[in-house]
Amino acid sequence: MTSSIYVAVPSDIVEWHDYKHLDWITMCRDDGKLYKFKEGDFKRLRIQEIEDMLLLLVQGKLKNLTVEERFAFNVSLRMFTRSIVIQRHVEDL
């Protein structure tokens, strides 16, 4: 399996009540173009791209990010995947 994402770079980290999450994320797809997404726009990403980003994060391959950026990136992706799971569960009812 080849990843369709080469680089994922968090652009803005927002902190509210000691809880950090990403406001924007910039990613480079295999077509060589940069795409910028707001957290609410994650729905425009293919689920495979979210899986690829989580896999890169878990494997420790995002060396270009600081620990704080990786943590915020992880939180944002987990929040998004939870919302997808809940949405699909509600649609199944």
N, C-alpha and C. Protein backbone atom coordinates (compact mmCIF):
# COMPACT_ATOMS: atom_id res chain seq x y z
N MET A 1 0.85 -1.18 0.00
CA MET A 1 0.00 0.00 0.00
C MET A 1 0.89 1.24 0.00
N THR A 2 0.68 2.10 -0.93
CA THR A 2 1.43 3.34 -0.98
C THR A 2 0.57 4.47 -0.46
N SER A 3 1.18 5.35 0.25
CA SER A 3 0.45 6.47 0.83
C SER A 3 0.23 7.56 -0.20
N SER A 4 -0.95 8.15 -0.18
CA SER A 4 -1.23 9.25 -1.10
C SER A 4 -0.81 10.59 -0.51
N ILE A 5 -0.32 10.57 0.71
CA ILE A 5 0.09 11.80 1.38
C ILE A 5 1.59 11.75 1.62
N TYR A 6 2.28 12.78 1.17
CA TYR A 6 3.72 12.85 1.40
C TYR A 6 4.04 13.60 2.69
N VAL A 7 3.41 14.72 2.89
CA VAL A 7 3.71 15.57 4.04
C VAL A 7 2.42 16.12 4.61
N ALA A 8 2.30 16.08 5.93
CA ALA A 8 1.18 16.74 6.61
C ALA A 8 1.77 17.71 7.61
N VAL A 9 1.40 18.96 7.51
CA VAL A 9 1.97 20.00 8.36
C VAL A 9 0.85 20.76 9.06
N PRO A 10 0.82 20.71 10.40
CA PRO A 10 -0.18 21.52 11.09
C PRO A 10 0.17 22.99 10.96
N SER A 11 -0.80 23.81 10.64
CA SER A 11 -0.54 25.23 10.41
C SER A 11 -0.79 26.08 11.65
N ASP A 12 -1.91 25.89 12.30
CA ASP A 12 -2.25 26.68 13.47
C ASP A 12 -2.73 25.77 14.59
N ILE A 13 -2.14 25.92 15.77
CA ILE A 13 -2.58 25.17 16.94
C ILE A 13 -3.33 26.13 17.84
N VAL A 14 -4.56 25.76 18.18
CA VAL A 14 -5.42 26.59 19.02
C VAL A 14 -5.49 25.94 20.40
N GLU A 15 -5.38 26.74 21.44
CA GLU A 15 -5.45 26.21 22.80
C GLU A 15 -6.57 26.90 23.55
N TRP A 16 -7.50 26.09 24.05
CA TRP A 16 -8.60 26.57 24.89
C TRP A 16 -8.65 25.70 26.13
N HIS A 17 -8.56 26.31 27.29
CA HIS A 17 -8.68 25.59 28.57
C HIS A 17 -7.70 24.41 28.63
N ASP A 18 -6.45 24.65 28.29
CA ASP A 18 -5.40 23.63 28.31
C ASP A 18 -5.69 22.45 27.36
N TYR A 19 -6.48 22.68 26.35
CA TYR A 19 -6.80 21.64 25.37
C TYR A 19 -6.41 22.17 24.00
N LYS A 20 -5.44 21.52 23.37
CA LYS A 20 -4.90 22.00 22.10
C LYS A 20 -5.44 21.17 20.94
N HIS A 21 -5.76 21.83 19.86
CA HIS A 21 -6.16 21.14 18.64
C HIS A 21 -5.74 21.98 17.44
N LEU A 22 -5.74 21.37 16.29
CA LEU A 22 -5.34 22.06 15.06
C LEU A 22 -6.49 22.86 14.51
N ASP A 23 -6.19 24.06 14.08
CA ASP A 23 -7.19 24.87 13.40
C ASP A 23 -7.08 24.65 11.89
N TRP A 24 -5.87 24.56 11.38
CA TRP A 24 -5.61 24.33 9.95
C TRP A 24 -4.57 23.24 9.80
N ILE A 25 -4.65 22.49 8.73
CA ILE A 25 -3.61 21.52 8.39
C ILE A 25 -3.31 21.66 6.90
N THR A 26 -2.04 21.64 6.56
CA THR A 26 -1.62 21.70 5.16
C THR A 26 -1.01 20.36 4.81
N MET A 27 -1.42 19.80 3.68
CA MET A 27 -0.87 18.51 3.29
C MET A 27 -0.52 18.50 1.81
N CYS A 28 0.46 17.71 1.48
CA CYS A 28 0.89 17.55 0.09
C CYS A 28 0.47 16.16 -0.36
N ARG A 29 -0.38 16.12 -1.37
CA ARG A 29 -0.82 14.83 -1.91
C ARG A 29 0.15 14.37 -2.98
N ASP A 30 -0.11 13.17 -3.50
CA ASP A 30 0.80 12.60 -4.49
C ASP A 30 0.82 13.35 -5.81
N ASP A 31 -0.12 14.29 -6.02
CA ASP A 31 -0.08 15.10 -7.24
C ASP A 31 0.89 16.28 -7.11
N GLY A 32 1.53 16.43 -5.94
CA GLY A 32 2.52 17.48 -5.73
C GLY A 32 1.95 18.82 -5.33
N LYS A 33 0.63 18.93 -5.22
CA LYS A 33 0.00 20.19 -4.84
C LYS A 33 -0.25 20.22 -3.33
N LEU A 34 -0.18 21.43 -2.77
CA LEU A 34 -0.48 21.62 -1.36
C LEU A 34 -1.97 21.91 -1.19
N TYR A 35 -2.56 21.27 -0.20
CA TYR A 35 -3.97 21.48 0.12
C TYR A 35 -4.06 21.90 1.58
N LYS A 36 -4.88 22.92 1.84
CA LYS A 36 -5.04 23.43 3.20
C LYS A 36 -6.47 23.17 3.64
N PHE A 37 -6.62 22.52 4.80
CA PHE A 37 -7.93 22.16 5.32
C PHE A 37 -8.12 22.74 6.71
N LYS A 38 -9.29 23.24 6.96
CA LYS A 38 -9.70 23.61 8.31
C LYS A 38 -10.30 22.36 8.93
N GLU A 39 -10.29 22.28 10.26
CA GLU A 39 -10.76 21.06 10.91
C GLU A 39 -12.17 20.68 10.44
N GLY A 40 -13.03 21.66 10.25
CA GLY A 40 -14.38 21.37 9.78
C GLY A 40 -14.42 20.86 8.35
N ASP A 41 -13.34 21.09 7.59
CA ASP A 41 -13.27 20.65 6.19
C ASP A 41 -12.67 19.25 6.06
N PHE A 42 -12.36 18.60 7.18
CA PHE A 42 -11.77 17.26 7.11
C PHE A 42 -12.69 16.31 6.35
N LYS A 43 -13.98 16.63 6.28
CA LYS A 43 -14.92 15.78 5.55
C LYS A 43 -14.56 15.71 4.07
N ARG A 44 -13.86 16.73 3.57
CA ARG A 44 -13.45 16.72 2.16
C ARG A 44 -12.31 15.73 1.91
N LEU A 45 -11.64 15.31 2.96
CA LEU A 45 -10.57 14.33 2.82
C LEU A 45 -11.17 12.95 2.64
N ARG A 46 -10.50 12.13 1.89
CA ARG A 46 -10.94 10.74 1.78
C ARG A 46 -10.56 10.02 3.07
N ILE A 47 -11.38 9.05 3.47
CA ILE A 47 -11.11 8.32 4.72
C ILE A 47 -9.74 7.64 4.65
N GLN A 48 -9.31 7.24 3.46
CA GLN A 48 -7.99 6.64 3.30
C GLN A 48 -6.88 7.63 3.66
N GLU A 49 -7.08 8.91 3.35
CA GLU A 49 -6.08 9.92 3.69
C GLU A 49 -5.99 10.12 5.20
N ILE A 50 -7.12 10.07 5.89
CA ILE A 50 -7.12 10.17 7.35
C ILE A 50 -6.37 8.97 7.93
N GLU A 51 -6.65 7.78 7.40
CA GLU A 51 -5.95 6.58 7.86
C GLU A 51 -4.45 6.69 7.60
N ASP A 52 -4.07 7.21 6.44
CA ASP A 52 -2.65 7.38 6.11
C ASP A 52 -1.97 8.35 7.08
N MET A 53 -2.66 9.45 7.40
CA MET A 53 -2.08 10.42 8.34
C MET A 53 -1.93 9.82 9.73
N LEU A 54 -2.93 9.06 10.19
CA LEU A 54 -2.82 8.40 11.49
C LEU A 54 -1.69 7.38 11.49
N LEU A 55 -1.55 6.64 10.40
CA LEU A 55 -0.48 5.65 10.30
C LEU A 55 0.89 6.32 10.34
N LEU A 56 1.06 7.42 9.61
CA LEU A 56 2.33 8.16 9.64
C LEU A 56 2.63 8.65 11.05
N LEU A 57 1.60 9.10 11.75
CA LEU A 57 1.77 9.60 13.11
C LEU A 57 2.17 8.48 14.06
N VAL A 58 1.48 7.35 13.99
CA VAL A 58 1.75 6.22 14.88
C VAL A 58 3.13 5.63 14.62
N GLN A 59 3.55 5.58 13.37
CA GLN A 59 4.85 5.02 13.02
C GLN A 59 6.00 5.97 13.32
N GLY A 60 5.69 7.19 13.74
CA GLY A 60 6.73 8.15 14.08
C GLY A 60 7.44 8.73 12.87
N LYS A 61 6.78 8.77 11.73
CA LYS A 61 7.41 9.26 10.51
C LYS A 61 7.21 10.75 10.27
N LEU A 62 6.56 11.43 11.19
CA LEU A 62 6.36 12.88 11.05
C LEU A 62 7.43 13.62 11.86
N LYS A 63 8.67 13.40 11.48
CA LYS A 63 9.81 13.99 12.19
C LYS A 63 9.89 15.50 12.01
N ASN A 64 9.19 16.03 11.01
CA ASN A 64 9.23 17.47 10.77
C ASN A 64 8.37 18.24 11.77
N LEU A 65 7.60 17.53 12.61
CA LEU A 65 6.72 18.17 13.58
C LEU A 65 7.32 18.11 14.97
N THR A 66 7.04 19.13 15.77
CA THR A 66 7.45 19.10 17.17
C THR A 66 6.52 18.17 17.93
N VAL A 67 6.89 17.85 19.16
CA VAL A 67 6.05 16.98 19.99
C VAL A 67 4.68 17.62 20.20
N GLU A 68 4.66 18.91 20.43
CA GLU A 68 3.39 19.62 20.63
C GLU A 68 2.52 19.55 19.38
N GLU A 69 3.13 19.72 18.21
CA GLU A 69 2.38 19.66 16.96
C GLU A 69 1.85 18.25 16.70
N ARG A 70 2.67 17.23 17.00
CA ARG A 70 2.21 15.85 16.82
C ARG A 70 1.05 15.53 17.75
N PHE A 71 1.13 16.01 18.99
CA PHE A 71 0.05 15.78 19.94
C PHE A 71 -1.24 16.45 19.48
N ALA A 72 -1.15 17.71 19.05
CA ALA A 72 -2.34 18.43 18.58
C ALA A 72 -2.89 17.77 17.31
N PHE A 73 -2.01 17.31 16.45
CA PHE A 73 -2.41 16.61 15.23
C PHE A 73 -3.17 15.34 15.58
N ASN A 74 -2.64 14.59 16.54
CA ASN A 74 -3.28 13.36 16.99
C ASN A 74 -4.67 13.64 17.56
N VAL A 75 -4.78 14.65 18.39
CA VAL A 75 -6.07 15.00 18.99
C VAL A 75 -7.08 15.36 17.91
N SER A 76 -6.68 16.17 16.95
CA SER A 76 -7.60 16.59 15.88
C SER A 76 -8.06 15.41 15.03
N LEU A 77 -7.13 14.54 14.67
CA LEU A 77 -7.51 13.38 13.86
C LEU A 77 -8.41 12.43 14.63
N ARG A 78 -8.13 12.23 15.92
CA ARG A 78 -8.98 11.36 16.73
C ARG A 78 -10.37 11.94 16.91
N MET A 79 -10.46 13.25 17.11
CA MET A 79 -11.77 13.89 17.23
C MET A 79 -12.56 13.71 15.93
N PHE A 80 -11.89 13.87 14.81
CA PHE A 80 -12.57 13.72 13.52
C PHE A 80 -13.04 12.28 13.31
N THR A 81 -12.17 11.31 13.59
CA THR A 81 -12.56 9.91 13.37
C THR A 81 -13.70 9.52 14.30
N ARG A 82 -13.71 10.03 15.51
CA ARG A 82 -14.84 9.75 16.42
C ARG A 82 -16.13 10.32 15.86
N SER A 83 -16.07 11.53 15.31
CA SER A 83 -17.29 12.13 14.75
C SER A 83 -17.79 11.31 13.56
N ILE A 84 -16.88 10.77 12.75
CA ILE A 84 -17.28 9.92 11.62
C ILE A 84 -17.94 8.64 12.11
N VAL A 85 -17.36 8.02 13.13
CA VAL A 85 -17.93 6.78 13.67
C VAL A 85 -19.32 7.04 14.24
N ILE A 86 -19.47 8.12 14.99
CA ILE A 86 -20.78 8.47 15.55
C ILE A 86 -21.78 8.75 14.44
N GLN A 87 -21.36 9.52 13.44
CA GLN A 87 -22.25 9.86 12.33
C GLN A 87 -22.71 8.60 11.59
N ARG A 88 -21.80 7.68 11.32
CA ARG A 88 -22.17 6.45 10.62
C ARG A 88 -23.07 5.58 11.48
N HIS A 89 -22.82 5.57 12.80
CA HIS A 89 -23.66 4.78 13.70
C HIS A 89 -25.08 5.33 13.72
N VAL A 90 -25.22 6.65 13.77
CA VAL A 90 -26.54 7.28 13.77
C VAL A 90 -27.27 7.01 12.46
N GLU A 91 -26.54 7.05 11.35
CA GLU A 91 -27.16 6.78 10.05
C GLU A 91 -27.65 5.34 9.95
N ASP A 92 -27.00 4.42 10.68
CA ASP A 92 -27.39 3.01 10.65
C ASP A 92 -28.65 2.74 11.47
N LEU A 93 -29.01 3.65 12.36
CA LEU A 93 -30.19 3.42 13.22
C LEU A 93 -31.48 3.55 12.48
